Amino acid sequence: MSALKIAVSIIYMLICIGLIVTVLLQPGKSAGLSGVIGGGAELFFGKKKGIEEKLAKFTEILAALFLILSIVMMILFTK
């Protein structure tokens, strides 16, 4: 296995782990009765959006890198 393939595989694994972590850190959507009560509180007191927006943006970036690197690995490993 060449050094390029090993380097791409390591980067790919790091992106996969990062993507899993960022998805798991994001809060779930409130649903049901608890969502109704919590939604009312957010209306009056506001919602912390700073970290959630950053996590969402970082997840989008990691997902794009995951897709691109998957295609690159397919091309590299099939030759």
C-alpha atoms as a PDB file:
ATOM      1  CA  MET A   1       0.000   0.000   0.000  1.00  0.00           C
ATOM      2  CA  SER A   2       1.469   3.328  -0.987  1.00  0.00           C
ATOM      3  CA  ALA A   3       2.050   6.235   1.367  1.00  0.00           C
ATOM      4  CA  LEU A   4      -0.673   8.264  -0.387  1.00  0.00           C
ATOM      5  CA  LYS A   5      -3.284   5.570   0.212  1.00  0.00           C
ATOM      6  CA  ILE A   6      -2.305   5.283   3.872  1.00  0.00           C
ATOM      7  CA  ALA A   7      -2.441   9.064   4.356  1.00  0.00           C
ATOM      8  CA  VAL A   8      -5.846   9.324   2.652  1.00  0.00           C
ATOM      9  CA  SER A   9      -7.172   6.427   4.763  1.00  0.00           C
ATOM     10  CA  ILE A  10      -6.026   8.075   8.010  1.00  0.00           C
ATOM     11  CA  ILE A  11      -7.559  11.426   7.028  1.00  0.00           C
ATOM     12  CA  TYR A  12     -10.758   9.604   6.049  1.00  0.00           C
ATOM     13  CA  MET A  13     -10.995   7.891   9.440  1.00  0.00           C
ATOM     14  CA  LEU A  14     -10.453  11.200  11.252  1.00  0.00           C
ATOM     15  CA  ILE A  15     -13.203  12.844   9.184  1.00  0.00           C
ATOM     16  CA  CYS A  16     -15.536   9.913   9.921  1.00  0.00           C
ATOM     17  CA  ILE A  17     -14.912  10.179  13.665  1.00  0.00           C
ATOM     18  CA  GLY A  18     -15.343  13.963  13.548  1.00  0.00           C
ATOM     19  CA  LEU A  19     -18.600  13.640  11.633  1.00  0.00           C
ATOM     20  CA  ILE A  20     -19.969  11.123  14.132  1.00  0.00           C
ATOM     21  CA  VAL A  21     -19.003  13.333  17.077  1.00  0.00           C
ATOM     22  CA  THR A  22     -20.503  16.511  15.610  1.00  0.00           C
ATOM     23  CA  VAL A  23     -23.773  14.767  14.767  1.00  0.00           C
ATOM     24  CA  LEU A  24     -24.036  13.303  18.263  1.00  0.00           C
ATOM     25  CA  LEU A  25     -23.305  16.671  19.902  1.00  0.00           C
ATOM     26  CA  GLN A  26     -26.178  18.399  18.142  1.00  0.00           C
ATOM     27  CA  PRO A  27     -29.360  18.708  20.177  1.00  0.00           C
ATOM     28  CA  GLY A  28     -32.424  16.808  19.010  1.00  0.00           C
ATOM     29  CA  LYS A  29     -35.601  18.457  17.822  1.00  0.00           C
ATOM     30  CA  SER A  30     -38.157  18.823  20.592  1.00  0.00           C
ATOM     31  CA  ALA A  31     -41.286  16.839  19.951  1.00  0.00           C
ATOM     32  CA  GLY A  32     -44.425  15.948  21.795  1.00  0.00           C
ATOM     33  CA  LEU A  33     -45.606  17.494  25.040  1.00  0.00           C
ATOM     34  CA  SER A  34     -42.120  18.283  26.312  1.00  0.00           C
ATOM     35  CA  GLY A  35     -41.431  20.144  23.077  1.00  0.00           C
ATOM     36  CA  VAL A  36     -44.525  22.283  23.558  1.00  0.00           C
ATOM     37  CA  ILE A  37     -43.491  23.262  27.080  1.00  0.00           C
ATOM     38  CA  GLY A  38     -39.855  23.811  26.119  1.00  0.00           C
ATOM     39  CA  GLY A  39     -40.832  25.756  23.023  1.00  0.00           C
ATOM     40  CA  GLY A  40     -42.851  28.181  25.112  1.00  0.00           C
ATOM     41  CA  ALA A  41     -39.891  28.794  27.388  1.00  0.00           C
ATOM     42  CA  GLU A  42     -37.629  29.422  24.392  1.00  0.00           C
ATOM     43  CA  LEU A  43     -40.115  31.999  23.119  1.00  0.00           C
ATOM     44  CA  PHE A  44     -39.754  34.087  26.282  1.00  0.00           C
ATOM     45  CA  PHE A  45     -36.147  33.453  27.276  1.00  0.00           C
ATOM     46  CA  GLY A  46     -34.536  32.919  23.878  1.00  0.00           C
ATOM     47  CA  LYS A  47     -32.447  30.031  22.702  1.00  0.00           C
ATOM     48  CA  LYS A  48     -28.678  29.643  22.701  1.00  0.00           C
ATOM     49  CA  LYS A  49     -27.843  29.514  19.011  1.00  0.00           C
ATOM     50  CA  GLY A  50     -24.115  30.173  18.974  1.00  0.00           C
ATOM     51  CA  ILE A  51     -22.796  26.675  19.536  1.00  0.00           C
ATOM     52  CA  GLU A  52     -25.652  24.995  17.654  1.00  0.00           C
ATOM     53  CA  GLU A  53     -25.045  27.065  14.523  1.00  0.00           C
ATOM     54  CA  LYS A  54     -21.304  26.363  14.691  1.00  0.00           C
ATOM     55  CA  LEU A  55     -21.912  22.639  15.098  1.00  0.00           C
ATOM     56  CA  ALA A  56     -24.320  22.625  12.153  1.00  0.00           C
ATOM     57  CA  LYS A  57     -21.816  24.470   9.947  1.00  0.00           C
ATOM     58  CA  PHE A  58     -18.970  22.181  11.020  1.00  0.00           C
ATOM     59  CA  THR A  59     -21.159  19.132  10.295  1.00  0.00           C
ATOM     60  CA  GLU A  60     -21.871  20.439   6.785  1.00  0.00           C
ATOM     61  CA  ILE A  61     -18.157  20.933   6.138  1.00  0.00           C
ATOM     62  CA  LEU A  62     -17.267  17.462   7.427  1.00  0.00           C
ATOM     63  CA  ALA A  63     -20.072  15.884   5.371  1.00  0.00           C
ATOM     64  CA  ALA A  64     -18.778  17.573   2.204  1.00  0.00           C
ATOM     65  CA  LEU A  65     -15.220  16.436   2.962  1.00  0.00           C
ATOM     66  CA  PHE A  66     -16.517  12.924   3.634  1.00  0.00           C
ATOM     67  CA  LEU A  67     -18.254  12.818   0.262  1.00  0.00           C
ATOM     68  CA  ILE A  68     -15.278  14.198  -1.649  1.00  0.00           C
ATOM     69  CA  LEU A  69     -12.799  11.926   0.084  1.00  0.00           C
ATOM     70  CA  SER A  70     -15.046   8.899  -0.524  1.00  0.00           C
ATOM     71  CA  ILE A  71     -14.958   9.587  -4.251  1.00  0.00           C
ATOM     72  CA  VAL A  72     -11.179  10.133  -4.185  1.00  0.00           C
ATOM     73  CA  MET A  73     -10.674   6.864  -2.308  1.00  0.00           C
ATOM     74  CA  MET A  74     -12.862   5.011  -4.787  1.00  0.00           C
ATOM     75  CA  ILE A  75     -10.695   6.281  -7.619  1.00  0.00           C
ATOM     76  CA  LEU A  76      -7.417   5.567  -5.807  1.00  0.00           C
ATOM     77  CA  PHE A  77      -8.270   2.088  -4.543  1.00  0.00           C
ATOM     78  CA  THR A  78      -9.822   0.734  -7.753  1.00  0.00           C
ATOM     79  CA  LYS A  79      -6.670   1.227  -9.782  1.00  0.00           C
END
